[in-house]
Amino acid sequence: MAFFTYIVANGRNGALYTGSTDDIVERTSQHREKVFRGFSAKYGCAVLVWYELHPTRHDAFIRERQIKEWNRVWKLELIERTNPGWRDLFNDLF
């Protein structure tokens, strides 16, 4: 089983939401459909702009918590290192 840490955004340099999951396709779909009320639904964070794979749920959660502590500039740099055009990476998952 794979585990992921991910960032969804509402557009380039917009609002960012960081999370972790064991089903990135389902979780990204939930963000797109605003299934859960909260930050990502309120601010329209539905574009998958960054993710990384982890061997355990614990590793993915620790990385999520680490990134959530970062300042905004560091998060933007993380995204732009692998996704400089802020492409929606959702279709890359298939």
N, C-alpha and C. Protein backbone atom coordinates (compact mmCIF):
# COMPACT_ATOMS: atom_id res chain seq x y z
N MET A 1 0.84 -1.18 0.00
CA MET A 1 0.00 0.00 0.00
C MET A 1 0.88 1.25 0.00
N ALA A 2 0.46 2.26 -0.73
CA ALA A 2 1.20 3.51 -0.82
C ALA A 2 0.52 4.59 0.03
N PHE A 3 1.33 5.51 0.49
CA PHE A 3 0.83 6.64 1.28
C PHE A 3 1.42 7.92 0.69
N PHE A 4 0.66 8.98 0.72
CA PHE A 4 1.03 10.21 0.06
C PHE A 4 0.91 11.42 0.99
N THR A 5 1.80 12.37 0.79
CA THR A 5 1.63 13.72 1.31
C THR A 5 1.40 14.57 0.07
N TYR A 6 0.47 15.52 0.16
CA TYR A 6 0.09 16.27 -1.04
C TYR A 6 -0.24 17.72 -0.70
N ILE A 7 -0.24 18.54 -1.75
CA ILE A 7 -0.69 19.93 -1.63
C ILE A 7 -1.68 20.19 -2.76
N VAL A 8 -2.84 20.73 -2.40
CA VAL A 8 -3.81 21.21 -3.38
C VAL A 8 -3.89 22.73 -3.23
N ALA A 9 -4.18 23.39 -4.34
CA ALA A 9 -4.24 24.85 -4.35
C ALA A 9 -5.48 25.31 -5.12
N ASN A 10 -5.79 26.59 -4.98
CA ASN A 10 -6.90 27.14 -5.75
C ASN A 10 -6.40 27.90 -6.98
N GLY A 11 -5.11 27.86 -7.23
CA GLY A 11 -4.50 28.51 -8.39
C GLY A 11 -3.06 28.85 -8.07
N ARG A 12 -2.35 29.30 -9.07
CA ARG A 12 -0.94 29.63 -8.88
C ARG A 12 -0.78 30.70 -7.80
N ASN A 13 0.07 30.39 -6.83
CA ASN A 13 0.35 31.28 -5.70
C ASN A 13 -0.89 31.62 -4.88
N GLY A 14 -1.92 30.78 -4.96
CA GLY A 14 -3.14 31.01 -4.20
C GLY A 14 -3.11 30.29 -2.87
N ALA A 15 -4.30 30.01 -2.36
CA ALA A 15 -4.43 29.30 -1.10
C ALA A 15 -3.91 27.87 -1.27
N LEU A 16 -3.25 27.35 -0.22
CA LEU A 16 -2.66 26.01 -0.24
C LEU A 16 -3.21 25.18 0.89
N TYR A 17 -3.48 23.90 0.60
CA TYR A 17 -3.88 22.95 1.63
C TYR A 17 -2.95 21.75 1.55
N THR A 18 -2.38 21.36 2.67
CA THR A 18 -1.48 20.21 2.74
C THR A 18 -2.17 19.09 3.50
N GLY A 19 -2.08 17.88 2.96
CA GLY A 19 -2.69 16.73 3.62
C GLY A 19 -1.91 15.45 3.37
N SER A 20 -2.41 14.35 3.93
CA SER A 20 -1.82 13.03 3.67
C SER A 20 -2.96 12.04 3.52
N THR A 21 -2.71 10.97 2.76
CA THR A 21 -3.75 10.01 2.46
C THR A 21 -3.15 8.70 1.98
N ASP A 22 -3.97 7.66 1.99
CA ASP A 22 -3.55 6.39 1.38
C ASP A 22 -4.22 6.18 0.02
N ASP A 23 -5.10 7.11 -0.38
CA ASP A 23 -5.77 7.03 -1.68
C ASP A 23 -5.82 8.44 -2.28
N ILE A 24 -4.77 8.80 -2.98
CA ILE A 24 -4.66 10.17 -3.46
C ILE A 24 -5.69 10.49 -4.54
N VAL A 25 -6.08 9.51 -5.33
CA VAL A 25 -7.10 9.75 -6.36
C VAL A 25 -8.43 10.09 -5.68
N GLU A 26 -8.84 9.28 -4.72
CA GLU A 26 -10.09 9.52 -4.01
C GLU A 26 -10.05 10.83 -3.24
N ARG A 27 -8.96 11.08 -2.54
CA ARG A 27 -8.87 12.29 -1.72
C ARG A 27 -8.87 13.55 -2.59
N THR A 28 -8.17 13.52 -3.71
CA THR A 28 -8.18 14.67 -4.62
C THR A 28 -9.58 14.88 -5.18
N SER A 29 -10.26 13.80 -5.51
CA SER A 29 -11.65 13.90 -5.99
C SER A 29 -12.55 14.53 -4.93
N GLN A 30 -12.33 14.17 -3.68
CA GLN A 30 -13.11 14.76 -2.59
C GLN A 30 -12.86 16.26 -2.49
N HIS A 31 -11.61 16.68 -2.67
CA HIS A 31 -11.32 18.12 -2.67
C HIS A 31 -12.05 18.80 -3.82
N ARG A 32 -12.03 18.20 -5.00
CA ARG A 32 -12.67 18.78 -6.17
C ARG A 32 -14.18 18.91 -5.98
N GLU A 33 -14.77 17.93 -5.33
CA GLU A 33 -16.22 17.90 -5.14
C GLU A 33 -16.66 18.58 -3.84
N LYS A 34 -15.71 19.08 -3.07
CA LYS A 34 -15.98 19.76 -1.80
C LYS A 34 -16.84 18.89 -0.88
N VAL A 35 -16.44 17.62 -0.76
CA VAL A 35 -17.17 16.65 0.04
C VAL A 35 -17.17 17.04 1.52
N PHE A 36 -16.03 17.51 2.00
CA PHE A 36 -15.91 17.88 3.40
C PHE A 36 -15.84 19.39 3.54
N ARG A 37 -16.60 19.93 4.48
CA ARG A 37 -16.52 21.36 4.75
C ARG A 37 -15.22 21.62 5.50
N GLY A 38 -14.60 22.70 5.20
CA GLY A 38 -13.34 23.04 5.86
C GLY A 38 -12.55 23.98 4.98
N PHE A 39 -11.28 24.12 5.30
CA PHE A 39 -10.41 25.09 4.62
C PHE A 39 -10.38 24.89 3.11
N SER A 40 -10.13 23.66 2.66
CA SER A 40 -9.97 23.44 1.22
C SER A 40 -11.27 23.72 0.47
N ALA A 41 -12.40 23.38 1.04
CA ALA A 41 -13.68 23.67 0.39
C ALA A 41 -13.97 25.17 0.40
N LYS A 42 -13.72 25.81 1.53
CA LYS A 42 -13.98 27.24 1.67
C LYS A 42 -13.19 28.06 0.66
N TYR A 43 -11.92 27.69 0.46
CA TYR A 43 -11.05 28.46 -0.42
C TYR A 43 -10.88 27.84 -1.81
N GLY A 44 -11.59 26.76 -2.10
CA GLY A 44 -11.56 26.16 -3.43
C GLY A 44 -10.25 25.49 -3.79
N CYS A 45 -9.56 24.94 -2.82
CA CYS A 45 -8.29 24.24 -3.08
C CYS A 45 -8.61 22.86 -3.66
N ALA A 46 -8.49 22.74 -4.98
CA ALA A 46 -8.87 21.50 -5.65
C ALA A 46 -7.87 21.07 -6.71
N VAL A 47 -6.84 21.86 -6.95
CA VAL A 47 -5.85 21.54 -7.97
C VAL A 47 -4.66 20.87 -7.28
N LEU A 48 -4.39 19.62 -7.66
CA LEU A 48 -3.27 18.88 -7.09
C LEU A 48 -1.98 19.41 -7.71
N VAL A 49 -1.19 20.14 -6.92
CA VAL A 49 0.02 20.79 -7.46
C VAL A 49 1.32 20.13 -7.02
N TRP A 50 1.24 19.25 -6.00
CA TRP A 50 2.45 18.58 -5.52
C TRP A 50 2.03 17.36 -4.71
N TYR A 51 2.84 16.29 -4.84
CA TYR A 51 2.66 15.13 -3.96
C TYR A 51 3.95 14.33 -3.93
N GLU A 52 4.07 13.53 -2.86
CA GLU A 52 5.19 12.60 -2.77
C GLU A 52 4.71 11.32 -2.10
N LEU A 53 5.37 10.25 -2.44
CA LEU A 53 5.04 8.92 -1.97
C LEU A 53 5.85 8.58 -0.73
N HIS A 54 5.20 7.83 0.20
CA HIS A 54 5.86 7.40 1.44
C HIS A 54 5.57 5.92 1.69
N PRO A 55 6.48 5.22 2.36
CA PRO A 55 6.28 3.79 2.60
C PRO A 55 5.26 3.48 3.70
N THR A 56 5.03 4.42 4.61
CA THR A 56 4.09 4.17 5.71
C THR A 56 3.17 5.36 5.93
N ARG A 57 2.03 5.09 6.54
CA ARG A 57 1.08 6.16 6.89
C ARG A 57 1.75 7.16 7.84
N HIS A 58 2.52 6.64 8.76
CA HIS A 58 3.20 7.49 9.74
C HIS A 58 4.17 8.46 9.04
N ASP A 59 4.95 7.96 8.08
CA ASP A 59 5.88 8.82 7.35
C ASP A 59 5.14 9.93 6.60
N ALA A 60 4.03 9.58 5.96
CA ALA A 60 3.25 10.58 5.23
C ALA A 60 2.69 11.63 6.19
N PHE A 61 2.21 11.20 7.34
CA PHE A 61 1.65 12.12 8.33
C PHE A 61 2.74 13.04 8.89
N ILE A 62 3.90 12.49 9.20
CA ILE A 62 5.00 13.30 9.73
C ILE A 62 5.41 14.37 8.71
N ARG A 63 5.49 13.98 7.44
CA ARG A 63 5.85 14.94 6.38
C ARG A 63 4.77 16.01 6.26
N GLU A 64 3.50 15.63 6.34
CA GLU A 64 2.40 16.60 6.30
C GLU A 64 2.58 17.63 7.42
N ARG A 65 2.80 17.15 8.62
CA ARG A 65 2.98 18.05 9.77
C ARG A 65 4.19 18.96 9.60
N GLN A 66 5.26 18.41 9.04
CA GLN A 66 6.46 19.20 8.79
C GLN A 66 6.14 20.35 7.83
N ILE A 67 5.50 20.03 6.73
CA ILE A 67 5.20 21.05 5.71
C ILE A 67 4.22 22.08 6.27
N LYS A 68 3.26 21.67 7.06
CA LYS A 68 2.30 22.61 7.63
C LYS A 68 2.98 23.63 8.55
N GLU A 69 4.13 23.29 9.09
CA GLU A 69 4.87 24.22 9.94
C GLU A 69 5.70 25.21 9.13
N TRP A 70 5.94 24.92 7.87
CA TRP A 70 6.76 25.78 7.03
C TRP A 70 6.09 27.12 6.76
N ASN A 71 6.92 28.10 6.41
CA ASN A 71 6.33 29.35 5.95
C ASN A 71 5.90 29.19 4.50
N ARG A 72 5.10 30.12 4.04
CA ARG A 72 4.51 30.04 2.71
C ARG A 72 5.56 29.98 1.60
N VAL A 73 6.62 30.76 1.71
CA VAL A 73 7.65 30.80 0.68
C VAL A 73 8.27 29.41 0.49
N TRP A 74 8.52 28.70 1.56
CA TRP A 74 9.10 27.35 1.45
C TRP A 74 8.14 26.41 0.72
N LYS A 75 6.84 26.53 1.01
CA LYS A 75 5.85 25.69 0.34
C LYS A 75 5.81 25.99 -1.15
N LEU A 76 5.84 27.26 -1.49
CA LEU A 76 5.83 27.65 -2.90
C LEU A 76 7.08 27.12 -3.61
N GLU A 77 8.22 27.19 -2.96
CA GLU A 77 9.47 26.67 -3.54
C GLU A 77 9.39 25.16 -3.73
N LEU A 78 8.79 24.45 -2.78
CA LEU A 78 8.62 23.00 -2.90
C LEU A 78 7.79 22.66 -4.13
N ILE A 79 6.71 23.36 -4.33
CA ILE A 79 5.85 23.13 -5.49
C ILE A 79 6.60 23.44 -6.78
N GLU A 80 7.24 24.59 -6.82
CA GLU A 80 7.86 25.04 -8.06
C GLU A 80 9.10 24.23 -8.45
N ARG A 81 9.72 23.55 -7.51
CA ARG A 81 10.86 22.68 -7.86
C ARG A 81 10.43 21.55 -8.79
N THR A 82 9.26 20.99 -8.56
CA THR A 82 8.81 19.85 -9.37
C THR A 82 7.67 20.19 -10.32
N ASN A 83 7.02 21.32 -10.09
CA ASN A 83 5.86 21.69 -10.91
C ASN A 83 5.86 23.20 -11.15
N PRO A 84 6.86 23.71 -11.89
CA PRO A 84 6.99 25.16 -12.06
C PRO A 84 5.81 25.83 -12.76
N GLY A 85 5.07 25.07 -13.55
CA GLY A 85 3.90 25.63 -14.23
C GLY A 85 2.61 25.49 -13.46
N TRP A 86 2.69 24.92 -12.26
CA TRP A 86 1.52 24.70 -11.41
C TRP A 86 0.45 23.91 -12.16
N ARG A 87 0.89 22.93 -12.92
CA ARG A 87 -0.04 22.04 -13.62
C ARG A 87 -0.86 21.25 -12.62
N ASP A 88 -2.08 20.90 -12.99
CA ASP A 88 -2.88 20.00 -12.19
C ASP A 88 -2.35 18.59 -12.42
N LEU A 89 -1.81 17.97 -11.39
CA LEU A 89 -1.17 16.67 -11.50
C LEU A 89 -2.15 15.50 -11.39
N PHE A 90 -3.42 15.78 -11.23
CA PHE A 90 -4.41 14.74 -11.01
C PHE A 90 -4.39 13.69 -12.12
N ASN A 91 -4.37 14.13 -13.38
CA ASN A 91 -4.40 13.16 -14.49
C ASN A 91 -3.13 12.34 -14.58
N ASP A 92 -2.03 12.82 -14.02
CA ASP A 92 -0.78 12.07 -14.01
C ASP A 92 -0.87 10.82 -13.12
N LEU A 93 -1.87 10.77 -12.26
CA LEU A 93 -2.01 9.66 -11.34
C LEU A 93 -2.53 8.39 -12.03
N PHE A 94 -3.08 8.55 -13.23
CA PHE A 94 -3.69 7.41 -13.95
C PHE A 94 -2.74 6.81 -14.95
